[in-house]
Protein backbone atom coordinates (compact mmCIF):
# COMPACT_ATOMS: atom_id res chain seq x y z
CA MET A 1 38.92 -40.25 50.03
CA LEU A 2 35.31 -41.77 49.12
CA LYS A 3 33.95 -38.35 48.11
CA LYS A 4 37.01 -37.45 46.02
CA SER A 5 36.51 -40.77 43.99
CA VAL A 6 32.64 -40.79 43.40
CA LYS A 7 33.22 -36.78 42.15
CA TYR A 8 36.17 -37.71 39.77
CA PHE A 9 33.87 -40.79 38.66
CA SER A 10 30.97 -38.28 38.20
CA THR A 11 33.54 -36.24 35.96
CA LEU A 12 33.99 -39.37 33.39
CA PHE A 13 30.53 -40.27 33.15
CA ILE A 14 29.63 -36.80 32.44
CA ILE A 15 32.52 -36.63 29.70
CA ILE A 16 31.58 -39.82 28.50
CA PHE A 17 27.58 -38.48 27.93
CA PHE A 18 28.36 -34.78 26.97
CA SER A 19 31.66 -34.72 25.27
CA SER A 20 31.90 -34.04 21.64
CA CYS A 21 35.69 -35.14 21.50
CA ALA A 22 35.99 -37.95 19.51
CA THR A 23 37.75 -41.41 21.37
CA VAL A 24 37.40 -44.70 21.69
CA ASP A 25 35.05 -44.15 24.32
CA LEU A 26 31.44 -45.02 24.11
CA PRO A 27 29.64 -42.03 21.92
CA LYS A 28 27.79 -39.42 23.85
CA PRO A 29 24.12 -39.67 23.77
CA PRO A 30 22.46 -36.49 21.43
CA PRO A 31 22.83 -32.96 22.96
CA LEU A 32 20.15 -30.78 24.30
CA LYS A 33 18.70 -28.70 21.65
CA GLU A 34 19.51 -25.24 21.55
CA SER A 35 16.00 -24.61 21.84
CA SER A 36 16.18 -25.72 25.21
CA ILE A 37 16.55 -22.15 26.53
CA THR A 38 13.98 -20.82 24.55
CA GLU A 39 11.75 -23.47 26.20
CA ALA A 40 12.82 -21.98 29.82
CA GLU A 41 12.35 -18.58 28.86
CA LYS A 42 8.71 -19.16 27.64
CA ALA A 43 8.05 -20.89 30.23
CA SER A 44 9.08 -18.12 32.96
CA SER A 45 10.94 -15.05 32.88
CA LEU A 46 12.20 -16.22 36.41
CA ALA A 47 12.26 -19.52 36.03
CA TYR A 48 15.33 -18.01 33.06
CA TYR A 49 16.69 -15.77 35.51
CA HIS A 50 17.43 -18.90 38.09
CA PHE A 51 18.89 -20.81 35.07
CA SER A 52 20.88 -17.75 34.07
CA ARG A 53 22.47 -17.77 37.22
CA ALA A 54 22.83 -21.19 37.89
CA GLN A 55 24.76 -21.53 34.63
CA LEU A 56 27.31 -18.55 35.96
CA PHE A 57 27.54 -20.45 39.47
CA GLU A 58 28.58 -23.66 37.69
CA ASN A 59 30.91 -21.89 35.15
CA GLU A 60 32.41 -20.95 38.49
CA GLU A 61 32.76 -24.29 39.99
CA LYS A 62 30.13 -22.75 42.49
CA ILE A 63 28.15 -26.41 42.80
CA ASP A 64 26.05 -25.81 45.74
CA SER A 65 25.29 -22.20 44.48
CA ALA A 66 23.99 -23.27 40.95
CA ILE A 67 22.51 -26.38 43.09
CA GLU A 68 20.41 -23.85 44.10
CA GLU A 69 19.26 -21.37 41.51
CA TYR A 70 18.09 -24.55 39.61
CA LYS A 71 15.77 -25.55 42.14
CA LEU A 72 14.94 -22.12 42.32
CA ALA A 73 14.19 -22.08 38.60
CA LEU A 74 11.96 -25.37 38.73
CA ASN A 75 9.89 -23.94 41.36
CA TYR A 76 9.25 -21.38 38.48
CA ASP A 77 8.71 -24.28 35.83
CA MET A 78 8.00 -27.64 37.54
CA ASP A 79 7.43 -29.36 33.90
CA SER A 80 10.89 -28.82 32.12
CA PRO A 81 12.18 -31.52 31.71
CA VAL A 82 15.15 -29.35 30.71
CA LEU A 83 15.99 -27.95 33.88
CA ARG A 84 15.67 -31.04 35.40
CA ILE A 85 18.14 -32.45 33.13
CA TYR A 86 20.66 -29.93 34.06
CA LEU A 87 19.63 -30.43 37.52
CA ALA A 88 20.51 -34.19 37.15
CA ILE A 89 24.23 -33.29 35.63
CA ILE A 90 25.35 -31.19 38.23
CA TYR A 91 24.09 -33.74 41.15
CA ILE A 92 26.27 -36.07 39.65
CA LYS A 93 29.18 -33.54 39.62
CA LYS A 94 28.43 -33.25 43.13
CA GLY A 95 28.78 -36.98 43.64
CA LEU A 96 24.56 -37.05 44.46
CA LEU A 97 23.77 -39.82 42.06
CA GLN A 98 20.62 -40.84 43.81
CA ASP A 99 19.35 -37.18 43.77
CA ALA A 100 20.32 -37.20 39.89
CA ILE A 101 18.52 -40.49 39.06
CA HIS A 102 15.20 -38.83 41.12
CA GLN A 103 15.67 -35.99 38.68
CA CYS A 104 15.91 -38.10 35.75
CA GLN A 105 12.84 -40.15 37.21
CA SER A 106 10.97 -36.90 37.64
CA VAL A 107 11.02 -36.35 33.84
CA ILE A 108 10.72 -39.77 32.61
CA SER A 109 7.23 -40.19 34.58
CA SER A 110 5.63 -36.93 32.77
CA HIS A 111 7.64 -37.29 29.46
CA PRO A 112 8.30 -41.14 28.60
CA GLU A 113 9.18 -40.67 25.67
CA HIS A 114 12.26 -37.66 26.54
CA SER A 115 15.17 -40.12 25.32
CA PRO A 116 17.78 -37.65 26.58
CA ALA A 117 16.59 -38.53 30.33
CA ARG A 118 16.61 -42.18 29.44
CA LEU A 119 20.42 -42.30 28.32
CA LEU A 120 20.61 -40.15 30.89
CA LEU A 121 19.11 -42.17 33.95
CA GLY A 122 20.37 -45.25 31.87
CA GLY A 123 24.08 -44.43 32.50
CA LEU A 124 23.50 -43.30 36.26
CA TYR A 125 22.33 -46.99 36.72
CA SER A 126 25.32 -48.50 34.88
CA THR A 127 27.47 -46.23 37.42
CA THR A 128 25.73 -47.63 40.01
CA GLY A 129 25.88 -51.31 39.11
CA ASN A 130 22.25 -51.31 38.18
CA GLU A 131 22.65 -52.67 34.66
CA HIS A 132 20.03 -54.33 33.81
CA ALA A 133 18.00 -51.54 34.66
CA ALA A 134 20.32 -49.55 32.68
CA ILE A 135 19.31 -51.84 29.92
CA ASN A 136 15.51 -51.23 30.17
CA GLU A 137 16.09 -47.94 29.85
CA TYR A 138 18.46 -48.10 26.87
CA GLU A 139 16.19 -50.71 24.61
CA THR A 140 13.20 -48.35 25.76
CA VAL A 141 15.08 -45.42 24.02
CA VAL A 142 15.53 -47.32 20.99
CA LYS A 143 11.75 -48.11 20.97
CA ILE A 144 11.19 -44.65 21.14
CA ASP A 145 13.77 -43.46 18.59
CA PRO A 146 15.12 -46.73 16.24
CA LYS A 147 18.05 -44.54 15.01
CA ASN A 148 19.53 -43.82 18.26
CA LYS A 149 22.62 -44.54 17.81
CA GLU A 150 24.14 -44.00 20.89
CA ALA A 151 21.66 -46.06 22.71
CA TYR A 152 22.97 -49.11 20.56
CA PHE A 153 26.46 -48.56 21.84
CA PHE A 154 25.53 -48.35 25.23
CA LEU A 155 23.32 -51.38 24.95
CA SER A 156 26.26 -53.65 23.36
CA ALA A 157 28.61 -52.58 26.20
CA LEU A 158 25.97 -53.40 29.00
CA TYR A 159 25.10 -56.69 27.49
CA LEU A 160 29.43 -57.49 27.14
CA LYS A 161 29.54 -56.79 30.80
CA VAL A 162 26.94 -59.09 32.10
CA LYS A 163 27.85 -61.41 29.00
CA GLU A 164 24.84 -61.39 27.35
CA HIS A 165 27.40 -61.54 23.97
CA GLU A 166 24.54 -62.43 21.64
CA LYS A 167 22.52 -59.37 22.27
CA SER A 168 25.68 -57.59 22.53
CA ILE A 169 26.92 -58.08 18.80
CA SER A 170 22.84 -57.60 18.25
CA SER A 171 22.92 -54.55 19.18
CA LEU A 172 25.95 -53.05 17.17
CA LYS A 173 24.41 -55.37 14.40
CA ARG A 174 21.34 -53.26 14.77
CA LEU A 175 22.94 -49.99 14.57
CA LEU A 176 25.46 -51.09 11.25
CA GLU A 177 21.69 -51.53 9.59
CA ILE A 178 21.29 -48.01 10.33
CA ASP A 179 24.96 -46.72 9.24
CA PRO A 180 26.68 -49.20 8.05
CA ASP A 181 29.80 -46.77 7.39
CA SER A 182 30.49 -46.73 11.37
CA ALA A 183 34.00 -47.05 12.09
CA MET A 184 33.10 -46.92 15.91
CA GLY A 185 30.35 -49.32 15.19
CA ASN A 186 32.13 -51.67 13.32
CA TYR A 187 35.50 -51.57 16.35
CA TYR A 188 33.13 -52.45 18.70
CA LEU A 189 31.70 -55.40 17.03
CA GLY A 190 35.41 -56.52 16.62
CA ARG A 191 35.82 -55.95 20.30
CA VAL A 192 32.82 -57.65 21.08
CA TYR A 193 34.26 -60.71 19.08
CA ALA A 194 37.49 -61.16 20.26
CA GLU A 195 36.27 -60.88 23.61
CA ILE A 196 34.64 -64.76 22.62
CA LYS A 197 37.81 -65.73 20.74
CA PHE A 198 35.67 -65.58 17.37
CA PHE A 199 39.00 -64.05 16.13
CA LYS A 200 37.97 -64.50 12.56
CA GLU A 201 34.77 -62.46 12.61
CA ALA A 202 36.77 -59.93 14.91
CA GLU A 203 39.41 -59.66 12.04
CA LYS A 204 36.41 -58.75 9.76
CA TYR A 205 34.60 -55.90 11.64
CA TYR A 206 38.62 -54.36 12.35
CA HIS A 207 39.49 -54.58 8.69
CA LYS A 208 35.97 -53.07 7.69
CA ALA A 209 37.02 -50.49 10.53
CA LEU A 210 40.16 -50.12 9.39
CA ILE A 211 38.66 -49.64 5.45
CA LEU A 212 36.25 -46.69 7.13
CA LYS A 213 38.85 -45.24 8.42
CA PRO A 214 42.67 -46.26 7.44
CA ASP A 215 44.51 -44.60 10.56
CA PHE A 216 42.45 -45.94 13.32
CA GLY A 217 44.85 -46.78 15.24
CA ALA A 218 42.80 -48.57 18.34
CA ALA A 219 41.56 -51.24 15.34
CA LEU A 220 44.72 -52.07 14.31
CA ILE A 221 45.86 -52.19 18.26
CA GLU A 222 43.50 -55.39 19.06
CA LEU A 223 44.65 -56.54 15.44
CA GLY A 224 48.11 -57.07 16.66
CA THR A 225 46.70 -58.12 19.67
CA ILE A 226 44.61 -61.07 18.12
CA CYS A 227 47.86 -61.87 16.20
CA GLU A 228 50.05 -62.17 19.90
CA PHE A 229 47.79 -64.16 21.02
CA GLN A 230 47.35 -66.47 18.41
CA GLY A 231 51.26 -66.59 18.23
CA GLU A 232 51.66 -64.76 14.86
CA ASN A 233 54.27 -62.25 16.41
CA LYS A 234 55.49 -61.30 13.27
CA GLY A 235 51.94 -60.52 11.77
CA ALA A 236 51.73 -58.32 14.98
CA ILE A 237 54.93 -57.07 14.62
CA GLU A 238 53.99 -56.00 11.30
CA ILE A 239 50.88 -54.45 12.57
CA TYR A 240 52.84 -52.13 14.78
CA GLU A 241 55.35 -50.94 13.01
CA LYS A 242 52.02 -49.69 10.70
CA ILE A 243 50.86 -47.61 13.40
CA LEU A 244 53.99 -46.06 14.48
CA LYS A 245 54.16 -44.74 10.68
CA ILE A 246 50.73 -43.23 11.63
CA ASN A 247 51.92 -41.85 15.22
CA PRO A 248 55.89 -42.24 15.83
CA SER A 249 55.12 -41.87 19.57
CA ASP A 250 52.71 -44.17 20.75
CA ALA A 251 54.10 -45.56 24.15
CA SER A 252 52.39 -48.69 24.34
CA VAL A 253 52.72 -49.64 20.49
CA LEU A 254 56.55 -49.05 21.08
CA THR A 255 56.58 -51.15 24.26
CA ARG A 256 55.04 -54.11 23.11
CA LEU A 257 57.56 -54.02 20.26
CA GLY A 258 60.41 -53.90 22.38
CA HIS A 259 59.04 -57.01 24.18
CA LEU A 260 58.35 -58.71 20.53
CA TYR A 261 61.35 -58.17 19.23
CA LEU A 262 62.83 -59.84 22.09
CA LYS A 263 60.55 -62.87 21.56
CA GLN A 264 61.94 -63.20 18.31
CA GLU A 265 65.60 -62.48 19.01
CA LYS A 266 66.08 -59.65 17.85
CA PRO A 267 67.71 -57.86 20.89
CA ASP A 268 69.04 -54.77 18.74
CA LYS A 269 65.43 -53.76 17.79
CA ALA A 270 64.06 -53.79 20.94
CA ILE A 271 66.64 -51.31 22.13
CA GLU A 272 66.07 -49.49 19.41
CA LYS A 273 62.61 -49.19 20.58
CA PHE A 274 62.72 -48.67 24.25
CA GLU A 275 64.95 -46.02 23.40
CA LYS A 276 62.38 -44.22 21.12
CA LEU A 277 60.09 -44.75 24.64
CA LYS A 278 62.69 -43.24 26.74
CA LYS A 279 62.86 -40.27 24.43
CA LEU A 280 59.37 -39.99 25.42
CA ASP A 281 59.42 -39.46 28.83
CA ILE A 282 63.28 -39.84 30.34
CA ASN A 283 62.18 -40.11 33.65
CA ASN A 284 61.27 -43.38 32.80
CA LYS A 285 63.45 -45.47 35.02
CA ASP A 286 61.90 -48.79 33.79
CA VAL A 287 62.28 -48.64 30.43
CA GLY A 288 66.12 -47.56 31.22
CA VAL A 289 66.06 -50.87 33.45
CA LYS A 290 64.75 -52.52 30.58
CA ILE A 291 67.58 -51.32 28.06
CA GLY A 292 69.95 -52.48 30.84
CA LEU A 293 69.21 -55.61 31.28
CA ILE A 294 68.79 -56.25 27.40
CA TYR A 295 72.92 -54.96 27.49
CA LEU A 296 73.19 -57.65 30.27
CA GLU A 297 71.76 -60.50 28.61
CA GLN A 298 73.87 -60.08 25.55
CA LYS A 299 77.18 -59.32 27.85
CA LYS A 300 77.61 -56.10 27.19
CA TYR A 301 78.81 -55.61 30.54
CA GLU A 302 79.83 -51.78 29.35
CA GLU A 303 76.97 -50.58 27.74
CA ALA A 304 74.72 -52.37 30.67
CA ILE A 305 76.70 -50.23 33.41
CA ARG A 306 76.18 -47.17 31.56
CA GLU A 307 72.84 -47.20 31.25
CA PHE A 308 72.00 -48.45 35.13
CA ASN A 309 74.28 -45.39 36.01
CA LEU A 310 72.48 -43.02 33.85
CA ILE A 311 69.07 -44.00 35.64
CA LEU A 312 71.09 -43.91 39.14
CA GLY A 313 71.83 -40.31 38.33
CA ILE A 314 68.44 -39.65 37.46
CA ASP A 315 67.51 -40.97 40.68
CA PRO A 316 70.34 -42.23 43.11
CA ASN A 317 67.66 -44.05 45.69
CA PHE A 318 66.37 -46.59 42.28
CA HIS A 319 67.65 -49.41 44.12
CA LYS A 320 66.27 -51.90 41.54
CA ALA A 321 69.01 -50.02 38.64
CA ARG A 322 71.47 -50.22 41.87
CA TYR A 323 71.25 -54.12 42.10
CA TYR A 324 71.48 -54.84 38.47
CA LEU A 325 74.40 -52.29 38.12
CA ALA A 326 75.88 -54.34 40.45
CA VAL A 327 75.28 -57.89 38.86
CA ALA A 328 76.64 -56.04 36.03
CA TYR A 329 79.77 -55.35 37.93
CA GLU A 330 79.80 -59.31 38.61
CA GLU A 331 79.00 -60.73 35.70
CA LYS A 332 81.81 -58.54 34.57
CA GLY A 333 84.39 -60.07 36.64
CA GLU A 334 84.85 -56.79 39.07
CA LEU A 335 83.56 -58.39 42.14
CA GLU A 336 85.16 -56.11 44.60
CA ARG A 337 83.06 -53.20 42.66
CA ALA A 338 79.72 -56.06 42.64
CA ILE A 339 79.92 -55.69 45.73
CA GLU A 340 80.31 -52.45 46.84
CA GLU A 341 77.38 -51.34 44.90
CA PHE A 342 75.34 -54.73 46.42
CA LYS A 343 76.20 -52.89 49.82
CA LYS A 344 74.38 -49.55 48.55
CA VAL A 345 71.04 -51.29 48.84
CA PRO A 346 69.30 -50.01 52.24
CA LEU A 347 68.03 -52.62 54.48
CA ASP A 348 64.25 -51.48 53.77
CA SER A 349 64.47 -52.51 49.79
CA ASP A 350 62.98 -54.81 47.93
CA PHE A 351 66.23 -56.17 46.55
CA PHE A 352 68.13 -56.07 49.92
CA PRO A 353 68.54 -59.97 50.54
CA ASP A 354 69.35 -60.69 47.06
CA SER A 355 71.34 -57.96 47.26
CA GLN A 356 73.09 -60.06 50.13
CA ILE A 357 72.46 -63.45 48.60
CA ASN A 358 74.76 -61.82 45.79
CA ILE A 359 77.34 -60.99 48.10
CA GLY A 360 77.30 -64.05 50.03
CA TYR A 361 77.62 -65.92 46.74
CA ILE A 362 80.02 -64.22 45.50
CA LEU A 363 82.23 -64.57 48.82
CA GLY A 364 81.35 -68.17 49.12
CA GLU A 365 81.26 -69.39 45.84
CA LYS A 366 83.76 -67.23 43.65
CA GLN A 367 85.97 -66.24 46.37
CA LYS A 368 85.81 -69.63 48.37
CA ASN A 369 85.29 -67.83 51.89
CA SER A 370 82.32 -69.74 52.89
CA LYS A 371 83.02 -68.28 56.17
CA LYS A 372 82.40 -64.88 55.30
CA ALA A 373 79.50 -65.46 53.45
CA ILE A 374 77.65 -67.35 56.20
CA GLU A 375 78.84 -64.50 58.36
CA VAL A 376 77.02 -61.64 55.83
CA ILE A 377 73.72 -63.64 55.75
CA LYS A 378 73.23 -64.30 59.12
CA GLU A 379 74.23 -60.36 59.61
CA ALA A 380 71.62 -59.61 56.89
CA ILE A 381 69.21 -61.54 58.95
CA GLU A 382 69.42 -59.86 62.34
CA LYS A 383 69.17 -56.13 60.58
CA ARG A 384 66.41 -57.69 58.21
CA GLY A 385 64.43 -60.06 60.81
CA GLY A 386 62.52 -63.20 59.09
CA ASP A 387 63.19 -63.46 55.22
CA VAL A 388 62.60 -66.63 54.26
CA LYS A 389 65.24 -66.08 50.55
CA LEU A 390 67.84 -65.34 53.26
CA TYR A 391 67.17 -68.30 55.62
CA GLU A 392 67.19 -70.70 52.71
CA PHE A 393 70.64 -69.00 51.19
CA LEU A 394 72.09 -69.21 54.19
CA ALA A 395 70.81 -73.21 54.93
CA SER A 396 72.44 -74.16 51.27
CA LEU A 397 75.88 -72.24 52.19
CA PHE A 398 75.82 -75.12 55.92
CA GLU A 399 74.98 -77.40 53.15
CA LYS A 400 77.86 -76.87 51.05
CA ASN A 401 80.25 -76.99 54.28
CA ARG A 402 78.58 -80.67 54.67
CA ASP A 403 77.15 -78.89 57.70
CA TYR A 404 73.87 -80.55 57.61
CA GLU A 405 73.04 -79.63 61.55
CA ASN A 406 73.04 -76.01 61.09
CA SER A 407 71.30 -76.47 57.54
CA ILE A 408 68.21 -78.43 59.24
CA GLU A 409 67.79 -75.43 61.69
CA THR A 410 67.75 -73.00 59.31
CA LEU A 411 64.90 -74.17 57.28
CA LYS A 412 63.45 -74.93 60.17
CA LYS A 413 63.47 -71.45 60.95
CA ALA A 414 62.28 -70.70 57.54
CA LEU A 415 59.78 -73.09 58.16
CA GLU A 416 58.73 -71.10 61.15
CA LEU A 417 58.42 -68.13 58.82
CA LYS A 418 55.88 -70.05 55.88
CA PRO A 419 54.86 -73.46 57.44
CA ASP A 420 52.82 -73.89 54.27
CA ASP A 421 55.81 -73.59 51.68
CA ILE A 422 56.09 -77.06 49.90
CA ASN A 423 60.02 -76.21 48.73
CA LEU A 424 61.06 -75.76 52.50
CA HIS A 425 59.49 -78.93 53.82
CA TYR A 426 60.91 -80.40 50.50
CA ASN A 427 64.03 -79.44 50.87
CA LEU A 428 64.40 -80.44 54.32
CA GLY A 429 63.04 -83.75 53.61
CA ILE A 430 66.05 -83.92 51.24
CA LEU A 431 68.69 -82.33 54.27
CA TYR A 432 67.65 -84.82 56.43
CA ASP A 433 68.33 -87.40 54.04
CA LYS A 434 71.60 -86.42 53.35
CA ALA A 435 72.56 -86.29 57.50
CA GLY A 436 71.22 -90.39 57.22
CA ASN A 437 68.00 -89.39 58.98
CA ILE A 438 65.84 -90.84 56.49
CA GLU A 439 62.45 -91.40 58.63
CA LYS A 440 62.66 -87.68 59.38
CA GLY A 441 63.35 -87.14 55.34
CA ILE A 442 59.79 -89.60 54.76
CA GLU A 443 58.16 -87.92 57.48
CA GLU A 444 59.24 -83.96 55.80
CA MET A 445 57.70 -85.70 52.22
CA ARG A 446 54.52 -86.50 54.02
CA GLU A 447 53.88 -82.80 54.85
CA VAL A 448 54.85 -81.86 51.15
CA LEU A 449 52.26 -84.35 50.49
CA LYS A 450 49.60 -83.01 52.74
CA LEU A 451 49.89 -79.61 51.11
CA ASP A 452 50.44 -81.12 46.99
CA PRO A 453 49.44 -84.30 46.83
CA LYS A 454 50.38 -84.42 43.50
CA ASN A 455 54.16 -83.67 44.01
CA ALA A 456 55.78 -86.58 41.81
CA ASN A 457 59.50 -85.75 43.75
CA ALA A 458 57.38 -86.37 47.33
CA LEU A 459 56.05 -89.78 45.94
CA ASN A 460 59.38 -90.76 44.56
CA TYR A 461 61.12 -90.34 47.67
CA ILE A 462 59.31 -92.14 49.75
CA GLY A 463 58.45 -94.82 47.33
CA TYR A 464 62.10 -95.43 46.65
CA ASN A 465 63.34 -95.69 49.87
CA TYR A 466 60.75 -97.73 50.92
CA ALA A 467 62.32 -99.84 48.03
CA ASP A 468 66.03 -99.23 49.15
CA LYS A 469 65.04 -100.60 52.57
CA GLY A 470 63.13 -103.62 51.49
CA ILE A 471 60.37 -102.67 53.27
CA ASP A 472 56.57 -101.95 52.54
CA LEU A 473 57.61 -102.81 48.50
CA ASP A 474 53.54 -102.65 47.67
CA GLU A 475 53.17 -99.33 49.33
CA ALA A 476 56.04 -97.83 47.45
CA GLU A 477 54.97 -99.29 44.24
CA ARG A 478 52.03 -97.64 44.12
CA LEU A 479 53.66 -94.27 45.56
CA ILE A 480 56.29 -94.33 42.50
CA LYS A 481 53.23 -95.42 39.97
CA LYS A 482 51.40 -92.55 40.92
CA ALA A 483 54.11 -90.41 40.28
CA LEU A 484 54.94 -91.97 37.05
CA GLU A 485 51.32 -91.06 36.34
CA ILE A 486 52.41 -87.22 37.16
CA LYS A 487 55.97 -87.57 35.27
CA SER A 488 56.11 -90.46 32.68
CA GLU A 489 59.34 -89.53 31.60
CA ASP A 490 61.43 -88.75 34.53
CA GLY A 491 64.26 -91.06 34.00
CA TYR A 492 65.06 -91.00 38.41
CA ILE A 493 61.35 -92.38 38.81
CA THR A 494 61.37 -94.79 36.52
CA ASP A 495 64.23 -96.16 38.05
CA SER A 496 62.79 -96.12 40.99
CA LEU A 497 60.34 -98.42 39.31
CA GLY A 498 62.66 -100.76 38.12
CA TRP A 499 64.23 -101.10 41.65
CA VAL A 500 60.86 -101.77 43.33
CA TYR A 501 60.51 -104.70 40.73
CA TYR A 502 64.30 -105.45 41.24
CA LYS A 503 63.22 -105.77 45.63
CA LYS A 504 60.26 -107.97 44.74
CA GLY A 505 62.66 -110.20 42.67
CA LYS A 506 60.54 -109.36 39.36
CA ILE A 507 64.28 -108.79 37.45
CA ASP A 508 62.92 -108.99 33.93
CA GLU A 509 60.23 -106.12 34.63
CA ALA A 510 63.35 -104.28 36.82
CA ILE A 511 65.29 -104.33 33.80
CA LYS A 512 63.40 -103.54 31.68
CA GLU A 513 62.18 -100.18 33.65
CA LEU A 514 65.50 -99.97 34.35
CA GLU A 515 66.91 -99.74 30.73
CA LYS A 516 64.51 -97.28 29.83
CA ALA A 517 65.56 -95.16 32.88
CA ILE A 518 69.58 -95.69 31.58
CA LYS A 519 67.97 -94.01 28.34
CA LEU A 520 66.37 -90.75 30.27
CA VAL A 521 69.36 -90.30 32.43
CA PRO A 522 72.42 -91.60 30.85
CA LYS A 523 74.52 -89.97 33.50
CA ASP A 524 73.30 -91.38 36.44
CA PRO A 525 76.09 -93.69 38.12
CA ILE A 526 72.96 -95.09 40.31
CA ILE A 527 70.74 -96.07 37.37
CA ALA A 528 73.96 -97.60 36.32
CA GLU A 529 74.78 -99.64 39.39
CA HIS A 530 70.85 -100.22 39.41
CA LEU A 531 70.52 -102.19 35.88
CA GLY A 532 74.09 -103.76 36.64
CA ASP A 533 72.65 -105.51 39.53
CA ALA A 534 69.40 -106.55 37.78
CA TYR A 535 71.82 -108.07 34.88
CA LEU A 536 73.83 -109.74 37.30
CA LYS A 537 71.27 -111.24 39.52
CA ASN A 538 69.84 -112.08 35.88
CA SER A 539 73.18 -114.11 34.72
CA LYS A 540 73.90 -111.62 31.95
CA LYS A 541 77.63 -111.17 33.99
CA ASP A 542 78.84 -108.96 30.35
CA ARG A 543 76.14 -106.37 30.46
CA ALA A 544 75.95 -106.12 34.55
CA LEU A 545 80.28 -105.69 34.32
CA ALA A 546 79.65 -103.20 31.54
CA MET A 547 77.50 -101.30 33.63
CA TYR A 548 79.45 -101.43 36.74
CA GLU A 549 82.39 -99.76 34.66
CA LYS A 550 80.16 -97.22 32.94
CA ALA A 551 78.61 -96.37 36.77
CA LEU A 552 82.54 -96.38 37.88
CA LYS A 553 83.40 -93.79 35.33
CA LEU A 554 80.79 -91.82 36.60
CA ASP A 555 81.83 -92.21 40.30
CA PRO A 556 85.25 -93.33 40.45
CA ASP A 557 84.99 -93.41 44.15
CA LYS A 558 82.72 -95.30 45.08
CA LYS A 559 84.63 -98.80 46.57
CA LEU A 560 81.40 -100.95 46.78
CA LEU A 561 81.50 -100.89 42.24
CA LYS A 562 85.27 -101.39 42.47
CA ASP A 563 84.22 -105.04 44.17
CA LYS A 564 81.69 -105.60 41.91
CA ILE A 565 83.43 -105.71 39.14
CA LYS A 566 86.44 -107.40 40.93
CA MET A 567 84.15 -110.19 41.87
CA ILE A 568 82.49 -110.52 38.30
CA LYS A 569 85.91 -110.75 36.47
CA GLU A 570 87.32 -113.00 39.42
CA ASN A 571 84.44 -115.87 38.70
CA LYS A 572 84.08 -115.36 34.65
């Protein structure tokens, strides 16, 4: 595989250097002169004979034979730079880059001002990762031949690669002094400025390139990319639409436009672009999925179902389409059809866990059959083996049934698979809390903080529980204040700080924080009750009563609130 890769890369290298096709890749070095064969012919009829045979073998893709003939030709004309360059080129085709380098060096040792050899050697150095040696060769070329445009292009590209941006820009500006009407020169200069985020300069040179070549699609795309990067989606759309007038079949532009129209909340226009993209390649299943998902987002379930079925008609084993087809049926309310499609997603598919979770959700949440939902997920775990997603969902099913013991054990199994998963530790801590085991809850939150010292929720959990128990209040205050540094506008953390102050007897400070908390989270019964407690402690009975009544509306079953309200009313 390595040999094939080298040969393939070498072929690309030759194309860059010797192709006569106009591309947006770096331009080719100057072609060998027509007189080259004449020079070889003059040197020796035998050299020319072997040269001709080498050419014949090369045309027939008999590379080894061609190499031998070039070598024989060199035996009769050792000083021929042309023969050595041809031999270097065929070595490149063979993947023998060091041999190619040796041939170029031999030319340069006897012909120091031979620009084609230096250009080829520079390319070889670049290919083998020796950028600075390549730069030296190209700099020598422009000293020998200051009007060699190709060398400036190569220099700019290499300076850009080694992050010497000023020299990259300088190389292209030197080129434009020679040829100010070079569309490619202006385009690449724009590219360099864009690389260093000098977007105004980049736009200036892209526009110059477009004046010189109005249908220059690459320059238009770069202008559109700058607009996107700067959040100017409307401008990007205008540019991309202009490109489509030049080339209606530009797949990359159709894709970009589709996504931009989605950002602009214009799904119908997005679908129009994706449909055109699909026509360019009817086997492009991912485009079909995008269209189906847009319909799904629009709640156009029939259209979504049709789109996913079309994809499955092309490839019944495209599991992504199968999964979203099931989702479409689920959203449409055809729950049994949805379950049927989810079941078709095979065990080895990446979509298997989510398919099983969706079946569990339909059974447990929509059909109120939590027992069956648990059975399905347990079976999926047995079949699939360890899968964190499945364990997490199973734990949530147990939690809904208030079966905290099984929920905790399930999350522990998930943690065996991902022991450093912050969310698993946090959720396990919350489960311990719900099960009444606050100490274990705090222990898990400390594990969270080992993995993420700035986890505001874990800091708040430990701090609040210390405050609620009335223990280590200074540490509680420190932890909660640290949490607030991270999430300053979090109502629950603000409530915790107020509650610490309350426990410390700093009632005025408590009221200030709790009033802020109730504004941030106006419908939380615990915050309302905490503020009521602080008001009562400050002898503001009417305000306390109002807060307790508010809390009771939010949590009608809490007996303690009823008792507090009754006490205030009796002592008025």
